Amino acid sequence: MKVVFIVPYFGKLPSNFDLWLKTCQANPEFNWLIISDQDLPVNLADNVSCFYFEDIATLSKFIFARLNLEVKINSAYKFCDFRPLYGAIFEDYLDGYDFWGFCDMDVFFGNLSNFLTPDILREYDIIQRWGHLTIVRNNQVCNRLYEKCFEYSSVENVLNWDMNQGTDERIMPYIGQKSGLKCYFNQTWIADVAPHTFQYRMDKLGSNNYTSQIFAWENGVLYRYFLSNGHIHRDEFMYIHLQKRDIDILNRVTGDFMITPNGVYSKTSDVNLSDFFCDSTLKERFDVRYKAMYKRLIRKRLIDTFLKANVIRYLVYKRYLSRLWTSVPDITVTERKSDAVELVIHEAGML
């Protein structure tokens, strides 16, 4: 089955773009369509195409022409509320695809086919429920599902509110469940790294975390390496999401690469104890960056909600979310299979 991820990105491309693209190219069974104001080749790779817009305002005009919606997109984060509409907005680009989806660029993909298997694709209509990667069946019912996602207000009101309301992951998947669509959400597939700690930790995996854990992209497969009882183990993930982090590329990467809190660098040997060491200076810099970023986010939320007189609207939104989330069962898979772990090195030592 054919899947295409639609990825709007306006402004300077991220530092990890070339490596992000590398991990896309390593998944030839999947396709990506980048919507951007950057001067990129139309056919960036065999499975990655680009659609040029002069700026976000031009995209807004395109949306009006497609759906007769007057919208103004003020920030990149606001695309989270537009994502459920992609099947309708970009309908002309979806011919021949069984699924459309969306994803972020602050990710590195492993072997998607090891998780999004033919059986999974045949069985489900909405697969995953996170903004960093979700796919939706390309049919009339799913492509118009967005019409049910704004019942607490209206489509135009929500899309023109500066605040990102997370319609892609807080609303659409649950509306899909309520509407009788077959949904599958698996948290254990993804390494969703928490943004507030320098050392990698996936809060949503609970106890399936380790004090020392790093990642390696090896010939198209993403592995987590971790230390446990003096041994190095590894297991496979679908992708890693490095949300709200600076992704520092430390040297030129041509083949496999390591993904660590210190940065991303070429993998030239087997993973060993030295790869797990964290640079204390980099940690201090990270802590400063995170505190500043967190303050900016809180300030923006306060401005969007209180200073712009959106308090009532915000309370209505929060009440709607609470009712929506309690109206459907939580079907998210949260327990990782223990037999997926492989012992790599005996007696690696202790940090």
Protein backbone atom coordinates (compact mmCIF):
# COMPACT_ATOMS: atom_id res chain seq x y z
CA MET A 1 0.00 0.00 0.00
CA LYS A 2 1.22 3.50 -0.84
CA VAL A 3 1.68 6.15 1.86
CA VAL A 4 2.63 9.81 1.46
CA PHE A 5 3.60 12.15 4.30
CA ILE A 6 2.73 15.83 3.77
CA VAL A 7 5.23 18.16 5.44
CA PRO A 8 4.79 21.95 5.25
CA TYR A 9 7.96 23.77 6.26
CA PHE A 10 8.49 27.51 5.85
CA GLY A 11 11.68 29.38 6.63
CA LYS A 12 15.25 28.17 6.98
CA LEU A 13 15.51 24.40 6.87
CA PRO A 14 16.61 22.72 10.13
CA SER A 15 20.23 21.75 10.76
CA ASN A 16 19.37 18.06 10.52
CA PHE A 17 17.51 18.35 7.19
CA ASP A 18 20.08 16.39 5.16
CA LEU A 19 20.06 13.52 7.65
CA TRP A 20 16.27 13.65 7.93
CA LEU A 21 16.17 13.33 4.15
CA LYS A 22 18.66 10.47 4.30
CA THR A 23 16.34 8.53 6.60
CA CYS A 24 13.40 9.24 4.27
CA GLN A 25 15.35 7.91 1.29
CA ALA A 26 16.09 4.73 3.22
CA ASN A 27 12.33 4.02 3.23
CA PRO A 28 11.55 3.67 -0.50
CA GLU A 29 8.14 2.11 0.23
CA PHE A 30 6.99 5.50 1.61
CA ASN A 31 6.80 8.95 0.05
CA TRP A 32 7.10 12.52 1.30
CA LEU A 33 5.69 15.77 -0.11
CA ILE A 34 7.39 18.89 1.26
CA ILE A 35 5.39 22.13 1.07
CA SER A 36 7.90 24.97 1.40
CA ASP A 37 9.11 28.43 0.45
CA GLN A 38 12.65 27.06 0.09
CA ASP A 39 14.24 26.64 -3.33
CA LEU A 40 14.31 22.84 -3.37
CA PRO A 41 14.34 20.55 -6.42
CA VAL A 42 10.87 19.32 -7.37
CA ASN A 43 12.14 15.76 -7.14
CA LEU A 44 14.48 15.98 -4.18
CA ALA A 45 14.79 12.20 -4.07
CA ASP A 46 13.06 9.23 -5.66
CA ASN A 47 10.48 9.25 -2.86
CA VAL A 48 10.61 12.93 -1.79
CA SER A 49 8.90 15.68 -3.81
CA CYS A 50 8.65 19.41 -3.18
CA PHE A 51 5.80 21.82 -3.85
CA TYR A 52 6.90 25.46 -3.80
CA PHE A 53 4.88 28.30 -2.25
CA GLU A 54 6.25 31.82 -2.17
CA ASP A 55 5.23 32.24 1.47
CA ILE A 56 2.65 31.13 4.05
CA ALA A 57 0.20 33.76 2.79
CA THR A 58 0.25 32.05 -0.61
CA LEU A 59 -0.58 28.75 1.07
CA SER A 60 -3.48 30.45 2.86
CA LYS A 61 -4.83 31.56 -0.52
CA PHE A 62 -4.44 28.00 -1.81
CA ILE A 63 -6.48 26.71 1.14
CA PHE A 64 -9.18 29.28 0.43
CA ALA A 65 -9.33 28.19 -3.21
CA ARG A 66 -9.60 24.52 -2.18
CA LEU A 67 -11.98 24.71 0.80
CA ASN A 68 -13.37 28.27 0.81
CA LEU A 69 -11.86 28.87 4.26
CA GLU A 70 -10.48 32.31 5.15
CA VAL A 71 -7.38 31.50 7.21
CA LYS A 72 -4.20 33.19 8.33
CA ILE A 73 -1.29 31.04 9.49
CA ASN A 74 0.86 32.97 11.95
CA SER A 75 3.38 30.36 13.05
CA ALA A 76 4.74 26.94 12.16
CA TYR A 77 3.16 25.39 15.26
CA LYS A 78 -0.27 26.38 13.94
CA PHE A 79 0.07 23.73 11.24
CA CYS A 80 -0.85 21.23 13.98
CA ASP A 81 -4.44 22.44 13.69
CA PHE A 82 -4.41 22.23 9.89
CA ARG A 83 -3.08 18.68 9.66
CA PRO A 84 -6.49 16.94 9.85
CA LEU A 85 -7.41 18.93 6.72
CA TYR A 86 -4.47 17.76 4.61
CA GLY A 87 -6.51 15.05 2.92
CA ALA A 88 -8.91 17.72 1.65
CA ILE A 89 -6.41 20.56 1.06
CA PHE A 90 -3.98 18.44 -0.94
CA GLU A 91 -6.50 16.06 -2.46
CA ASP A 92 -5.15 16.66 -5.98
CA TYR A 93 -1.77 15.29 -4.92
CA LEU A 94 -3.10 12.10 -3.35
CA ASP A 95 -4.11 10.13 -6.44
CA GLY A 96 -2.81 6.60 -6.20
CA TYR A 97 -2.09 6.74 -2.48
CA ASP A 98 -3.87 4.52 0.03
CA PHE A 99 -2.84 6.70 2.97
CA TRP A 100 -1.76 10.27 3.58
CA GLY A 101 -0.07 11.39 6.73
CA PHE A 102 1.98 14.03 8.45
CA CYS A 103 5.24 14.07 10.36
CA ASP A 104 7.85 16.42 11.79
CA MET A 105 11.38 17.19 10.64
CA ASP A 106 12.92 16.93 14.12
CA VAL A 107 12.89 13.15 13.71
CA PHE A 108 15.10 10.44 12.27
CA PHE A 109 13.24 7.49 10.77
CA GLY A 110 14.21 3.88 11.17
CA ASN A 111 12.78 1.12 9.01
CA LEU A 112 9.11 2.16 8.85
CA SER A 113 8.08 -1.08 7.14
CA ASN A 114 9.07 -3.08 10.22
CA PHE A 115 6.23 -1.33 12.06
CA LEU A 116 3.77 -0.11 9.41
CA THR A 117 3.40 -3.60 8.02
CA PRO A 118 0.97 -4.65 5.28
CA ASP A 119 -1.25 -6.26 7.93
CA ILE A 120 -1.41 -3.03 9.96
CA LEU A 121 -2.14 -0.97 6.85
CA ARG A 122 -4.89 -3.30 5.71
CA GLU A 123 -6.55 -3.41 9.13
CA TYR A 124 -6.65 0.22 10.30
CA ASP A 125 -7.85 3.62 9.12
CA ILE A 126 -5.86 5.87 11.48
CA ILE A 127 -2.47 4.65 12.60
CA GLN A 128 -0.75 6.53 15.43
CA ARG A 129 -2.05 9.67 17.09
CA TRP A 130 0.93 11.99 17.42
CA GLY A 131 1.84 15.07 15.46
CA HIS A 132 5.34 13.77 14.81
CA LEU A 133 3.83 10.91 12.74
CA THR A 134 0.29 9.84 11.95
CA ILE A 135 -1.18 8.26 8.84
CA VAL A 136 -4.81 8.35 7.69
CA ARG A 137 -6.58 6.25 5.08
CA ASN A 138 -7.15 8.18 1.88
CA ASN A 139 -10.91 7.96 1.39
CA GLN A 140 -13.87 10.30 1.52
CA VAL A 141 -14.80 9.50 5.14
CA CYS A 142 -11.32 10.07 6.55
CA ASN A 143 -10.58 13.08 4.36
CA ARG A 144 -13.69 14.85 5.67
CA LEU A 145 -13.17 13.78 9.28
CA TYR A 146 -11.84 17.26 10.07
CA GLU A 147 -15.41 18.60 9.80
CA LYS A 148 -16.15 16.87 13.12
CA CYS A 149 -12.99 18.13 14.85
CA PHE A 150 -14.12 21.69 15.56
CA GLU A 151 -17.52 21.15 17.15
CA TYR A 152 -16.59 23.29 20.18
CA SER A 153 -16.25 26.30 17.89
CA SER A 154 -15.96 26.45 14.09
CA VAL A 155 -13.30 25.50 11.59
CA GLU A 156 -12.39 29.09 10.72
CA ASN A 157 -12.42 30.30 14.33
CA VAL A 158 -10.02 27.58 15.43
CA LEU A 159 -7.70 27.90 12.44
CA ASN A 160 -7.47 31.67 12.92
CA TRP A 161 -6.82 31.52 16.66
CA ASP A 162 -3.08 32.09 17.19
CA MET A 163 -2.85 29.39 19.83
CA ASN A 164 -2.01 25.90 18.64
CA GLN A 165 -4.78 23.63 19.93
CA GLY A 166 -3.16 20.38 18.86
CA THR A 167 -6.09 19.24 16.73
CA ASP A 168 -3.81 16.69 15.06
CA GLU A 169 -3.19 14.68 18.23
CA ARG A 170 -5.58 15.93 20.90
CA ILE A 171 -8.77 15.76 18.84
CA MET A 172 -8.65 14.03 15.45
CA PRO A 173 -7.62 10.51 16.61
CA TYR A 174 -10.37 10.47 19.24
CA ILE A 175 -12.96 11.75 16.77
CA GLY A 176 -11.85 8.90 14.53
CA GLN A 177 -12.55 6.42 17.32
CA LYS A 178 -15.95 7.98 18.06
CA SER A 179 -16.82 7.84 14.37
CA GLY A 180 -16.24 4.10 14.21
CA LEU A 181 -12.97 4.19 12.29
CA LYS A 182 -10.47 1.45 13.08
CA CYS A 183 -7.57 3.04 14.94
CA TYR A 184 -4.23 1.75 16.16
CA PHE A 185 -1.96 3.73 18.49
CA ASN A 186 1.36 2.27 19.66
CA GLN A 187 3.48 4.43 21.95
CA THR A 188 6.22 1.78 22.24
CA TRP A 189 7.17 2.10 18.58
CA ILE A 190 8.54 5.61 19.03
CA ALA A 191 11.39 7.20 20.92
CA ASP A 192 9.66 10.44 21.87
CA VAL A 193 12.49 12.10 23.76
CA ALA A 194 11.45 14.45 26.56
CA PRO A 195 12.57 18.04 25.90
CA HIS A 196 13.40 18.96 29.50
CA THR A 197 16.28 16.56 30.24
CA PHE A 198 19.70 16.60 28.59
CA GLN A 199 20.10 12.84 28.79
CA TYR A 200 17.58 11.03 26.64
CA ARG A 201 14.43 9.92 28.39
CA MET A 202 11.11 8.86 26.87
CA ASP A 203 8.64 9.81 29.61
CA LYS A 204 5.73 8.05 27.93
CA LEU A 205 7.60 4.72 28.04
CA GLY A 206 7.62 4.82 31.83
CA SER A 207 9.87 2.16 33.30
CA ASN A 208 11.22 1.17 29.89
CA ASN A 209 13.92 3.83 30.22
CA TYR A 210 17.53 3.62 31.22
CA THR A 211 19.89 6.11 32.84
CA SER A 212 22.24 5.77 29.87
CA GLN A 213 20.56 5.36 26.49
CA ILE A 214 21.55 6.60 23.04
CA PHE A 215 20.55 5.83 19.47
CA ALA A 216 22.22 4.71 16.28
CA TRP A 217 20.98 4.72 12.69
CA GLU A 218 22.48 1.66 11.05
CA ASN A 219 21.78 0.83 7.42
CA GLY A 220 18.23 2.17 7.59
CA VAL A 221 17.35 0.72 11.01
CA LEU A 222 17.10 2.83 14.20
CA TYR A 223 18.42 1.17 17.34
CA ARG A 224 18.39 2.30 20.94
CA TYR A 225 21.55 1.26 22.80
CA PHE A 226 21.42 1.21 26.58
CA LEU A 227 23.51 0.19 29.55
CA SER A 228 22.05 -2.29 32.01
CA ASN A 229 24.01 -4.16 34.67
CA GLY A 230 27.29 -3.47 32.94
CA HIS A 231 26.11 -4.77 29.56
CA ILE A 232 25.20 -2.94 26.36
CA HIS A 233 21.83 -3.92 24.92
CA ARG A 234 19.87 -2.65 21.95
CA ASP A 235 16.32 -2.66 20.63
CA GLU A 236 14.64 -1.22 17.55
CA PHE A 237 12.41 1.84 17.22
CA MET A 238 10.40 3.20 14.30
CA TYR A 239 11.83 6.70 14.74
CA ILE A 240 13.27 9.11 17.27
CA HIS A 241 11.60 12.47 17.94
CA LEU A 242 13.94 15.15 19.28
CA GLN A 243 11.31 17.71 20.16
CA LYS A 244 12.27 21.27 21.10
CA ARG A 245 15.99 20.48 20.98
CA ASP A 246 18.87 21.92 19.01
CA ILE A 247 20.15 19.06 16.86
CA ASP A 248 23.89 19.60 16.58
CA ILE A 249 25.59 17.77 13.71
CA LEU A 250 29.15 17.28 14.94
CA ASN A 251 30.84 16.02 11.79
CA ARG A 252 30.19 15.00 8.19
CA VAL A 253 27.95 11.95 7.99
CA THR A 254 28.03 9.75 4.91
CA GLY A 255 26.86 6.41 6.31
CA ASP A 256 25.58 5.25 9.67
CA PHE A 257 25.38 7.78 12.49
CA MET A 258 25.03 8.11 16.23
CA ILE A 259 22.28 10.18 17.89
CA THR A 260 23.30 11.20 21.40
CA PRO A 261 22.65 14.08 23.83
CA ASN A 262 26.07 15.48 22.87
CA GLY A 263 25.09 15.61 19.22
CA VAL A 264 24.86 13.60 16.01
CA TYR A 265 28.05 12.16 14.54
CA SER A 266 29.26 9.57 12.09
CA LYS A 267 29.28 5.98 13.40
CA THR A 268 32.65 4.52 12.49
CA SER A 269 32.87 1.64 14.97
CA ASP A 270 30.74 -0.52 17.21
CA VAL A 271 28.94 1.27 20.01
CA ASN A 272 31.09 1.32 23.13
CA LEU A 273 31.14 2.85 26.58
CA SER A 274 32.61 6.17 25.39
CA ASP A 275 29.48 6.87 23.31
CA PHE A 276 27.41 7.07 26.50
CA PHE A 277 29.40 9.84 28.19
CA CYS A 278 27.57 13.16 28.46
CA ASP A 279 29.45 16.44 28.15
CA SER A 280 28.73 18.50 31.30
CA THR A 281 29.36 21.80 29.46
CA LEU A 282 26.80 20.88 26.82
CA LYS A 283 24.36 19.91 29.58
CA GLU A 284 24.70 23.35 31.17
CA ARG A 285 24.09 25.00 27.81
CA PHE A 286 21.06 22.76 27.24
CA ASP A 287 19.56 23.68 30.62
CA VAL A 288 19.89 27.39 29.86
CA ARG A 289 18.29 26.95 26.41
CA TYR A 290 15.43 24.92 27.79
CA LYS A 291 14.58 27.41 30.55
CA ALA A 292 14.55 30.27 28.04
CA MET A 293 12.39 28.28 25.60
CA TYR A 294 9.96 27.26 28.35
CA LYS A 295 9.54 30.88 29.44
CA ARG A 296 8.80 31.89 25.83
CA LEU A 297 6.17 29.18 25.51
CA ILE A 298 4.46 30.17 28.76
CA ARG A 299 4.53 33.83 27.78
CA LYS A 300 2.98 33.07 24.40
CA ARG A 301 0.25 30.94 25.99
CA LEU A 302 -0.58 33.75 28.42
CA ILE A 303 -0.71 36.31 25.62
CA ASP A 304 -2.85 34.12 23.35
CA THR A 305 -5.23 33.24 26.17
CA PHE A 306 -5.48 36.15 28.57
CA LEU A 307 -4.12 39.31 26.97
CA LYS A 308 -6.05 38.64 23.76
CA ALA A 309 -9.27 38.02 25.71
CA ASN A 310 -9.54 34.34 24.80
CA VAL A 311 -10.14 33.03 28.31
CA ILE A 312 -13.71 31.87 27.70
CA ARG A 313 -12.74 30.30 24.39
CA TYR A 314 -9.84 28.50 26.07
CA LEU A 315 -12.05 27.15 28.88
CA VAL A 316 -14.60 25.90 26.35
CA TYR A 317 -11.78 24.17 24.47
CA LYS A 318 -10.41 22.50 27.62
CA ARG A 319 -13.87 21.33 28.66
CA TYR A 320 -14.43 19.88 25.20
CA LEU A 321 -11.12 17.99 25.37
CA SER A 322 -11.97 16.55 28.78
CA ARG A 323 -15.33 15.26 27.58
CA LEU A 324 -13.88 13.92 24.33
CA TRP A 325 -11.08 12.00 26.02
CA THR A 326 -13.42 10.37 28.52
CA SER A 327 -15.91 9.38 25.82
CA VAL A 328 -13.64 6.80 24.17
CA PRO A 329 -11.44 4.06 25.62
CA ASP A 330 -7.68 4.51 25.68
CA ILE A 331 -6.46 1.92 23.18
CA THR A 332 -2.83 3.05 23.17
CA VAL A 333 -0.28 0.23 23.39
CA THR A 334 2.14 1.17 26.19
CA GLU A 335 3.92 -2.08 27.06
CA ARG A 336 7.06 -2.78 25.07
CA LYS A 337 7.83 -6.39 24.18
CA SER A 338 10.64 -7.71 26.36
CA ASP A 339 11.84 -10.17 23.71
CA ALA A 340 12.72 -7.25 21.41
CA VAL A 341 15.92 -6.53 23.39
CA GLU A 342 19.23 -7.87 22.09
CA LEU A 343 22.40 -8.22 24.17
CA VAL A 344 25.22 -6.59 22.22
CA ILE A 345 28.30 -6.44 24.48
CA HIS A 346 29.07 -8.41 27.63
CA GLU A 347 30.86 -6.64 30.48
CA ALA A 348 30.97 -3.21 28.86
CA GLY A 349 31.67 -1.63 32.23
CA MET A 350 29.92 1.07 34.23
CA LEU A 351 29.80 4.83 33.75
